[in-house]
Amino acid sequence: MEKNQETSILIVDDEEAIHKLLATYLSNDHACVTANNADEATRLLSAGSFNLVLTDITMPGASGLELCQYIQKACPDTVVIVVSGMTDIQYAVEAMRQGAFDYLIKPFDLAQVNMAIDRALRYQALIAAKRHYEQSLEETVMARTRELRALNENLNQTLEALYTNYRATLRALAGALEARDVETSGHSDRVVAYCLRLGRELGISHNDLIGLEQGALLHDIGKIGVPDSILLKCGPLTDEEWREMRRHIEHGLSIIDGIDFLSGARPVVGQHHEKYNGSGYPRGLRGEAIHINARIFAVADAYDAITSDRPYRAAQAYVQARDEIVANAGSHFDPKVVKAFLKVPESEWAEIRRTAESKDYIEQIIEKRELRSFIVSLKRHSGTTGPLSLAVA
């Protein structure tokens, strides 16, 4: 063993000849301190640190086993070797139970003591290395966790900003469509808000709510393809002009076709003129063959139309709108959606109308993590990747 004066050993034995012999023999390789009993050893341990303790069992005052117990609690990094004249195996077992690393029987061979110390110090070094590795690993994991948390927060902010920009673009487009069609200002935002409230009342998924919002904003996007002479005509339309006007659905589906982000808007864009009894267009769909988002939109759009000023009449009160919607349940409107409409108090509809144009209204309905998941889903898939997929002839 190489000489290592940094390794400190406390030798505890009430027989002075023994602890002097051990100290003399081991001092060439280690810094040795002696104690005559466990109480003196305890004071030395509390005053400084030792790598290893060699202790007898039977001594005046506290026993070596009690010293082992103290060291295990107060100095867990210190390794203990018991050197005793007790040959009963039970003493050795109890010494190990109290934290001793090894048990040597007197009379001992000094070379045997040296080998036991060497094993104990190697064991101590391995324990220290293991502890250092675990601590280093824990610190590395914590640091990496902080980095990942920061990256995740940045990613979340980026995804939320991306969706905000997408939505701002859609709102701007919807506003341009309203201006062209001489609609009441804020119509699209209000209809979106009414749709989302009905969707939540009906318990549809967050992905469907996103598609519902998009469809409500862009339901008339196909009117871009309708000539101004028809769209802005003051008088009644001819049959041919009506056919051309109805083609706005075809134009709308064509515009959003192939745009992954807007695939969830297809049900409302393609079916917002269908009626529950099958008398609508373009396909004459009936009942639940009409997508739930389009059935929700029909009620929300009608409610806003009735309660808003129009060039040909003033806005009507909630009661008139409610009565008209109820009267058309089963013909124009899905009775299930009408029932959901009636569950929402009049005061809440008024509050929704007031706050509908706020930028964060959608976040009151759809969780941010769902918006982030929606954006991420666009990257994962190919083809039609929006929250909904519905083929419309």
Protein backbone atom coordinates (compact mmCIF):
# COMPACT_ATOMS: atom_id res chain seq x y z
CA MET A 1 0.00 0.00 0.00
CA GLU A 2 1.31 3.44 -0.93
CA LYS A 3 1.91 5.82 1.94
CA ASN A 4 -1.08 8.14 2.35
CA GLN A 5 -0.91 10.45 5.33
CA GLU A 6 -4.25 12.00 4.24
CA THR A 7 -5.99 8.77 5.27
CA SER A 8 -6.85 9.14 8.96
CA ILE A 9 -7.49 6.18 11.25
CA LEU A 10 -8.85 6.24 14.80
CA ILE A 11 -7.73 3.26 16.88
CA VAL A 12 -9.94 2.55 19.92
CA ASP A 13 -8.87 -0.05 22.51
CA ASP A 14 -8.62 -0.01 26.29
CA GLU A 15 -5.40 -2.06 26.11
CA GLU A 16 -2.68 0.52 25.58
CA ALA A 17 -0.22 -2.06 24.22
CA ILE A 18 -2.63 -2.99 21.43
CA HIS A 19 -3.55 0.48 20.27
CA LYS A 20 0.12 1.55 20.44
CA LEU A 21 1.14 -1.49 18.38
CA LEU A 22 -1.47 -0.80 15.75
CA ALA A 23 -0.66 2.92 15.63
CA THR A 24 3.07 2.23 15.25
CA TYR A 25 2.49 -0.33 12.52
CA LEU A 26 -0.03 1.74 10.55
CA SER A 27 1.55 5.18 10.96
CA ASN A 28 3.92 4.57 8.10
CA ASP A 29 0.99 4.66 5.69
CA HIS A 30 -1.74 6.56 7.55
CA ALA A 31 -2.31 9.35 10.03
CA CYS A 32 -3.26 7.52 13.22
CA VAL A 33 -4.98 8.74 16.41
CA THR A 34 -5.67 6.55 19.45
CA ALA A 35 -8.40 6.48 22.11
CA ASN A 36 -8.70 4.37 25.26
CA ASN A 37 -12.47 3.97 25.19
CA ALA A 38 -15.65 4.65 23.20
CA ASP A 39 -16.45 7.91 25.03
CA GLU A 40 -13.05 9.38 24.15
CA ALA A 41 -13.49 8.16 20.56
CA THR A 42 -16.89 9.85 20.37
CA ARG A 43 -15.36 13.19 21.40
CA LEU A 44 -12.62 12.82 18.78
CA LEU A 45 -15.18 11.94 16.09
CA SER A 46 -17.31 14.93 16.94
CA ALA A 47 -14.26 17.21 16.76
CA GLY A 48 -12.88 15.91 13.43
CA SER A 49 -13.36 13.40 10.65
CA PHE A 50 -11.72 9.99 10.17
CA ASN A 51 -11.68 7.69 7.18
CA LEU A 52 -11.63 4.55 9.29
CA VAL A 53 -12.10 3.41 12.89
CA LEU A 54 -10.51 0.28 14.38
CA THR A 55 -12.33 -0.57 17.62
CA ASP A 56 -12.48 -3.23 20.30
CA ILE A 57 -15.88 -4.36 21.62
CA THR A 58 -15.40 -4.76 25.36
CA MET A 59 -14.15 -1.55 26.94
CA PRO A 60 -14.96 0.47 30.09
CA GLY A 61 -18.05 2.58 29.55
CA ALA A 62 -19.79 2.30 26.19
CA SER A 63 -19.01 -0.79 24.12
CA GLY A 64 -17.50 -0.94 20.68
CA LEU A 65 -20.89 -1.99 19.32
CA GLU A 66 -22.45 1.19 20.73
CA LEU A 67 -19.61 3.14 19.12
CA CYS A 68 -20.42 1.44 15.79
CA GLN A 69 -24.04 2.51 16.18
CA TYR A 70 -22.98 6.10 16.90
CA ILE A 71 -20.60 6.21 13.90
CA GLN A 72 -23.26 4.81 11.58
CA LYS A 73 -25.61 7.69 12.50
CA ALA A 74 -23.17 10.57 13.09
CA CYS A 75 -20.36 9.72 10.64
CA PRO A 76 -21.90 7.60 7.86
CA ASP A 77 -18.87 8.12 5.58
CA THR A 78 -16.50 6.56 8.13
CA VAL A 79 -15.85 2.84 7.73
CA VAL A 80 -15.47 0.65 10.85
CA ILE A 81 -13.45 -2.51 11.49
CA VAL A 82 -14.03 -4.33 14.78
CA VAL A 83 -10.99 -6.00 16.35
CA SER A 84 -12.04 -8.16 19.33
CA GLY A 85 -11.18 -11.20 21.38
CA MET A 86 -14.82 -12.29 21.22
CA THR A 87 -14.93 -15.45 19.11
CA ASP A 88 -18.71 -15.96 19.30
CA ILE A 89 -20.15 -15.49 15.79
CA GLN A 90 -23.08 -13.57 17.29
CA TYR A 91 -20.74 -10.68 18.15
CA ALA A 92 -19.55 -10.52 14.57
CA VAL A 93 -23.15 -10.58 13.28
CA GLU A 94 -24.17 -7.83 15.70
CA ALA A 95 -21.14 -5.74 14.72
CA MET A 96 -22.16 -5.98 11.06
CA ARG A 97 -25.74 -5.07 11.97
CA GLN A 98 -24.42 -1.95 13.67
CA GLY A 99 -22.54 -0.91 10.53
CA ALA A 100 -19.11 -2.54 10.85
CA PHE A 101 -17.39 -3.38 7.56
CA ASP A 102 -15.20 -6.21 8.90
CA TYR A 103 -14.57 -8.22 12.08
CA LEU A 104 -11.06 -9.37 13.12
CA ILE A 105 -10.37 -11.69 16.03
CA LYS A 106 -7.53 -11.23 18.53
CA PRO A 107 -4.80 -12.23 18.53
CA PHE A 108 -4.55 -10.79 15.04
CA ASP A 109 -1.90 -10.86 12.37
CA LEU A 110 -0.71 -7.36 11.44
CA ALA A 111 -0.66 -8.24 7.74
CA GLN A 112 -4.28 -9.39 8.13
CA VAL A 113 -5.16 -6.02 9.70
CA ASN A 114 -3.41 -4.23 6.84
CA MET A 115 -5.38 -6.20 4.23
CA ALA A 116 -8.68 -5.52 6.05
CA ILE A 117 -7.89 -1.80 6.14
CA ASP A 118 -6.98 -1.85 2.45
CA ARG A 119 -10.33 -3.54 1.59
CA ALA A 120 -12.25 -1.12 3.78
CA LEU A 121 -10.63 1.96 2.23
CA ARG A 122 -11.25 0.65 -1.29
CA TYR A 123 -14.87 0.05 -0.33
CA GLN A 124 -15.05 3.57 1.07
CA ALA A 125 -13.57 4.99 -2.15
CA LEU A 126 -16.15 3.06 -4.24
CA ILE A 127 -18.99 4.36 -2.08
CA ALA A 128 -17.68 7.91 -2.40
CA ALA A 129 -17.31 7.53 -6.17
CA LYS A 130 -20.84 6.11 -6.40
CA ARG A 131 -22.21 9.00 -4.34
CA HIS A 132 -20.31 11.51 -6.45
CA TYR A 133 -21.63 9.90 -9.63
CA GLU A 134 -25.20 9.93 -8.34
CA GLN A 135 -24.88 13.54 -7.27
CA SER A 136 -23.32 14.49 -10.58
CA LEU A 137 -26.01 12.57 -12.44
CA GLU A 138 -28.75 14.24 -10.40
CA GLU A 139 -27.27 17.66 -11.09
CA THR A 140 -26.98 16.82 -14.78
CA VAL A 141 -30.58 15.62 -14.88
CA MET A 142 -31.77 18.74 -13.06
CA ALA A 143 -29.81 20.99 -15.40
CA ARG A 144 -31.11 19.14 -18.45
CA THR A 145 -34.64 19.28 -17.05
CA ARG A 146 -34.34 23.04 -16.65
CA GLU A 147 -33.08 23.31 -20.23
CA LEU A 148 -35.89 21.15 -21.56
CA ARG A 149 -38.45 23.07 -19.52
CA ALA A 150 -37.15 26.32 -20.98
CA LEU A 151 -37.13 24.87 -24.49
CA ASN A 152 -40.64 23.53 -23.98
CA GLU A 153 -41.83 26.92 -22.75
CA ASN A 154 -40.25 28.59 -25.77
CA LEU A 155 -41.84 26.01 -28.06
CA ASN A 156 -45.23 26.51 -26.43
CA GLN A 157 -44.92 30.27 -26.85
CA THR A 158 -43.91 29.80 -30.48
CA LEU A 159 -46.84 27.48 -31.18
CA GLU A 160 -49.27 29.83 -29.45
CA ALA A 161 -47.88 32.78 -31.41
CA LEU A 162 -48.15 30.76 -34.61
CA TYR A 163 -51.80 29.94 -33.95
CA THR A 164 -52.47 33.57 -32.97
CA ASN A 165 -51.01 34.71 -36.29
CA TYR A 166 -53.03 32.12 -38.19
CA ARG A 167 -56.18 33.20 -36.44
CA ALA A 168 -55.45 36.90 -36.99
CA THR A 169 -55.13 36.15 -40.70
CA LEU A 170 -58.45 34.33 -40.73
CA ARG A 171 -60.17 37.15 -38.83
CA ALA A 172 -58.76 39.71 -41.25
CA LEU A 173 -60.03 37.65 -44.18
CA ALA A 174 -63.43 37.26 -42.54
CA GLY A 175 -63.54 41.02 -41.96
CA ALA A 176 -62.76 41.65 -45.61
CA LEU A 177 -65.57 39.31 -46.64
CA GLU A 178 -68.00 41.10 -44.33
CA ALA A 179 -67.06 44.47 -45.77
CA ARG A 180 -67.58 43.21 -49.31
CA ASP A 181 -70.94 41.66 -48.50
CA VAL A 182 -72.12 44.73 -46.55
CA GLU A 183 -72.71 42.58 -43.44
CA THR A 184 -73.04 43.99 -39.95
CA SER A 185 -69.62 44.71 -38.42
CA GLY A 186 -68.42 41.97 -36.07
CA HIS A 187 -70.82 39.35 -37.42
CA SER A 188 -68.15 36.69 -37.89
CA ASP A 189 -66.61 37.17 -34.44
CA ARG A 190 -70.00 36.96 -32.78
CA VAL A 191 -71.04 33.87 -34.71
CA VAL A 192 -67.72 32.21 -33.81
CA ALA A 193 -68.30 33.00 -30.13
CA TYR A 194 -71.89 31.70 -30.23
CA CYS A 195 -70.72 28.54 -32.04
CA LEU A 196 -67.99 27.83 -29.49
CA ARG A 197 -70.43 28.27 -26.59
CA LEU A 198 -72.90 25.87 -28.18
CA GLY A 199 -70.10 23.44 -29.00
CA ARG A 200 -68.96 23.46 -25.38
CA GLU A 201 -72.55 22.97 -24.20
CA LEU A 202 -72.82 19.95 -26.50
CA GLY A 203 -69.48 18.57 -25.28
CA ILE A 204 -67.67 18.35 -28.61
CA SER A 205 -63.90 17.85 -28.57
CA HIS A 206 -61.34 20.66 -28.53
CA ASN A 207 -60.19 19.69 -32.03
CA ASP A 208 -63.76 19.94 -33.29
CA LEU A 209 -64.06 23.32 -31.56
CA ILE A 210 -61.00 24.52 -33.48
CA GLY A 211 -62.56 23.32 -36.74
CA LEU A 212 -65.85 24.93 -35.75
CA GLU A 213 -64.14 28.27 -35.13
CA GLN A 214 -62.38 28.15 -38.48
CA GLY A 215 -65.51 27.13 -40.34
CA ALA A 216 -67.58 29.86 -38.68
CA LEU A 217 -65.00 32.49 -39.63
CA LEU A 218 -64.73 31.31 -43.24
CA HIS A 219 -68.22 29.96 -43.95
CA ASP A 220 -68.78 32.48 -46.76
CA ILE A 221 -65.22 32.60 -48.10
CA GLY A 222 -66.54 31.27 -51.41
CA LYS A 223 -68.35 34.56 -52.00
CA ILE A 224 -64.99 35.82 -53.22
CA GLY A 225 -65.87 33.97 -56.43
CA VAL A 226 -69.35 35.50 -56.76
CA PRO A 227 -69.57 38.51 -59.12
CA ASP A 228 -70.31 41.86 -57.46
CA SER A 229 -73.28 42.30 -59.76
CA ILE A 230 -74.93 39.38 -57.98
CA LEU A 231 -73.47 39.68 -54.49
CA LEU A 232 -74.26 43.39 -54.16
CA LYS A 233 -77.55 43.40 -56.05
CA CYS A 234 -80.26 45.32 -54.16
CA GLY A 235 -83.29 43.65 -55.70
CA PRO A 236 -84.31 39.98 -55.87
CA LEU A 237 -82.06 37.55 -57.70
CA THR A 238 -83.11 35.69 -60.81
CA ASP A 239 -83.05 31.89 -60.88
CA GLU A 240 -79.76 31.98 -62.75
CA GLU A 241 -78.31 34.45 -60.26
CA TRP A 242 -79.40 32.22 -57.38
CA ARG A 243 -77.65 29.28 -58.98
CA GLU A 244 -74.52 31.38 -59.27
CA MET A 245 -74.85 32.60 -55.68
CA ARG A 246 -75.18 29.05 -54.40
CA ARG A 247 -71.90 28.18 -56.07
CA HIS A 248 -70.13 30.11 -53.28
CA ILE A 249 -70.04 26.82 -51.37
CA GLU A 250 -68.21 25.16 -54.22
CA HIS A 251 -65.85 28.12 -54.46
CA GLY A 252 -65.24 28.06 -50.70
CA LEU A 253 -64.34 24.38 -50.61
CA SER A 254 -62.03 24.89 -53.57
CA ILE A 255 -60.24 27.77 -51.82
CA ILE A 256 -59.46 25.82 -48.63
CA ASP A 257 -58.80 22.51 -50.42
CA GLY A 258 -55.26 21.27 -49.72
CA ILE A 259 -54.65 23.69 -46.83
CA ASP A 260 -53.98 21.36 -43.91
CA PHE A 261 -54.55 24.08 -41.36
CA LEU A 262 -58.09 24.69 -42.64
CA SER A 263 -59.27 21.14 -43.24
CA GLY A 264 -61.39 21.33 -40.08
CA ALA A 265 -63.36 24.21 -41.63
CA ARG A 266 -64.75 22.04 -44.45
CA PRO A 267 -67.95 20.87 -42.67
CA VAL A 268 -69.19 24.40 -42.03
CA VAL A 269 -67.96 25.84 -45.34
CA GLY A 270 -69.58 22.99 -47.26
CA GLN A 271 -72.78 22.45 -45.27
CA HIS A 272 -73.80 25.76 -43.67
CA HIS A 273 -76.86 26.03 -45.95
CA GLU A 274 -78.10 22.49 -45.30
CA LYS A 275 -81.30 22.19 -43.25
CA TYR A 276 -82.21 19.54 -40.73
CA ASN A 277 -85.27 18.39 -42.73
CA GLY A 278 -83.26 17.97 -45.93
CA SER A 279 -84.56 21.05 -47.74
CA GLY A 280 -81.22 22.87 -47.79
CA TYR A 281 -78.42 22.93 -50.35
CA PRO A 282 -76.08 21.96 -52.00
CA ARG A 283 -76.68 18.27 -51.21
CA GLY A 284 -80.02 18.21 -49.42
CA LEU A 285 -78.50 16.47 -46.41
CA ARG A 286 -80.89 15.50 -43.64
CA GLY A 287 -80.59 15.14 -39.84
CA GLU A 288 -77.29 13.85 -38.51
CA ALA A 289 -75.96 13.38 -42.03
CA ILE A 290 -75.19 17.08 -41.62
CA HIS A 291 -71.98 17.52 -39.63
CA ILE A 292 -72.53 18.63 -36.03
CA ASN A 293 -70.42 21.75 -36.64
CA ALA A 294 -72.69 22.83 -39.49
CA ARG A 295 -75.78 22.18 -37.34
CA ILE A 296 -74.30 24.29 -34.54
CA PHE A 297 -73.41 27.05 -36.99
CA ALA A 298 -76.97 27.19 -38.33
CA VAL A 299 -78.38 28.11 -34.90
CA ALA A 300 -75.57 30.54 -34.04
CA ASP A 301 -75.78 32.31 -37.40
CA ALA A 302 -79.56 32.63 -37.16
CA TYR A 303 -79.37 34.00 -33.61
CA ASP A 304 -76.88 36.70 -34.63
CA ALA A 305 -78.85 37.59 -37.77
CA ILE A 306 -82.08 38.05 -35.78
CA THR A 307 -80.48 40.07 -32.96
CA SER A 308 -78.41 42.37 -35.22
CA ASP A 309 -79.44 45.38 -37.30
CA ARG A 310 -79.92 44.73 -40.99
CA PRO A 311 -80.52 47.20 -43.84
CA TYR A 312 -84.11 45.94 -44.13
CA ARG A 313 -84.99 45.80 -40.37
CA ALA A 314 -83.81 46.68 -36.88
CA ALA A 315 -82.32 44.14 -34.47
CA GLN A 316 -84.84 42.05 -32.55
CA ALA A 317 -84.71 41.05 -28.89
CA TYR A 318 -83.53 37.73 -27.47
CA VAL A 319 -87.14 36.59 -26.95
CA GLN A 320 -88.02 36.97 -30.65
CA ALA A 321 -84.83 35.19 -31.67
CA ARG A 322 -85.46 32.36 -29.22
CA ASP A 323 -89.06 31.89 -30.38
CA GLU A 324 -88.06 31.79 -34.04
CA ILE A 325 -85.27 29.28 -33.39
CA VAL A 326 -87.60 27.06 -31.34
CA ALA A 327 -90.29 27.30 -34.03
CA ASN A 328 -87.83 25.98 -36.63
CA ALA A 329 -86.42 23.13 -34.52
CA GLY A 330 -86.75 19.93 -36.54
CA SER A 331 -87.11 21.77 -39.85
CA HIS A 332 -84.20 24.19 -40.22
CA PHE A 333 -82.40 23.43 -36.95
CA ASP A 334 -81.30 20.32 -35.11
CA PRO A 335 -83.55 19.98 -32.01
CA LYS A 336 -80.53 18.83 -29.99
CA VAL A 337 -78.65 22.05 -30.80
CA VAL A 338 -81.76 24.12 -30.08
CA LYS A 339 -82.03 22.42 -26.68
CA ALA A 340 -78.39 23.35 -25.97
CA PHE A 341 -79.13 26.93 -27.03
CA LEU A 342 -82.01 27.15 -24.55
CA LYS A 343 -79.79 25.92 -21.69
CA VAL A 344 -77.61 29.03 -21.98
CA PRO A 345 -79.20 31.98 -20.11
CA GLU A 346 -80.13 35.15 -21.98
CA SER A 347 -77.67 37.11 -19.82
CA GLU A 348 -74.81 34.88 -20.95
CA TRP A 349 -75.68 35.33 -24.63
CA ALA A 350 -75.57 39.09 -24.03
CA GLU A 351 -72.17 38.82 -22.34
CA ILE A 352 -70.82 36.66 -25.18
CA ARG A 353 -71.97 39.28 -27.69
CA ARG A 354 -70.14 41.96 -25.69
CA THR A 355 -66.83 40.06 -25.43
CA ALA A 356 -66.90 38.17 -28.73
CA GLU A 357 -64.44 40.45 -30.47
CA SER A 358 -61.75 40.16 -27.76
CA LYS A 359 -58.62 38.47 -29.04
CA ASP A 360 -58.42 35.98 -26.18
CA TYR A 361 -62.04 34.84 -26.33
CA ILE A 362 -61.15 31.51 -27.94
CA GLU A 363 -58.74 30.76 -25.05
CA GLN A 364 -61.68 30.92 -22.68
CA ILE A 365 -63.19 27.98 -24.57
CA ILE A 366 -60.25 26.02 -26.00
CA GLU A 367 -57.23 25.15 -23.84
CA LYS A 368 -53.83 26.45 -24.95
CA ARG A 369 -52.36 22.97 -24.96
CA GLU A 370 -55.06 21.88 -27.42
CA LEU A 371 -54.15 24.76 -29.72
CA ARG A 372 -50.48 23.70 -29.49
CA SER A 373 -51.37 20.06 -30.18
CA PHE A 374 -53.36 21.15 -33.21
CA ILE A 375 -50.40 23.05 -34.66
CA VAL A 376 -48.04 20.12 -33.97
CA SER A 377 -50.46 17.71 -35.66
CA LEU A 378 -50.09 19.63 -38.91
CA LYS A 379 -46.39 18.70 -38.96
CA ARG A 380 -46.95 15.04 -38.14
CA HIS A 381 -49.32 14.14 -40.91
CA SER A 382 -49.50 14.43 -44.66
CA GLY A 383 -52.53 15.06 -46.83
CA THR A 384 -55.64 16.23 -44.99
CA THR A 385 -54.35 16.83 -41.48
CA GLY A 386 -56.78 19.17 -39.79
CA PRO A 387 -58.85 18.20 -36.76
CA LEU A 388 -61.72 17.04 -38.96
CA SER A 389 -61.88 15.30 -42.29
CA LEU A 390 -65.11 15.34 -44.26
CA ALA A 391 -65.47 14.79 -47.98
CA VAL A 392 -68.03 17.13 -49.50
CA ALA A 393 -69.22 16.58 -53.03
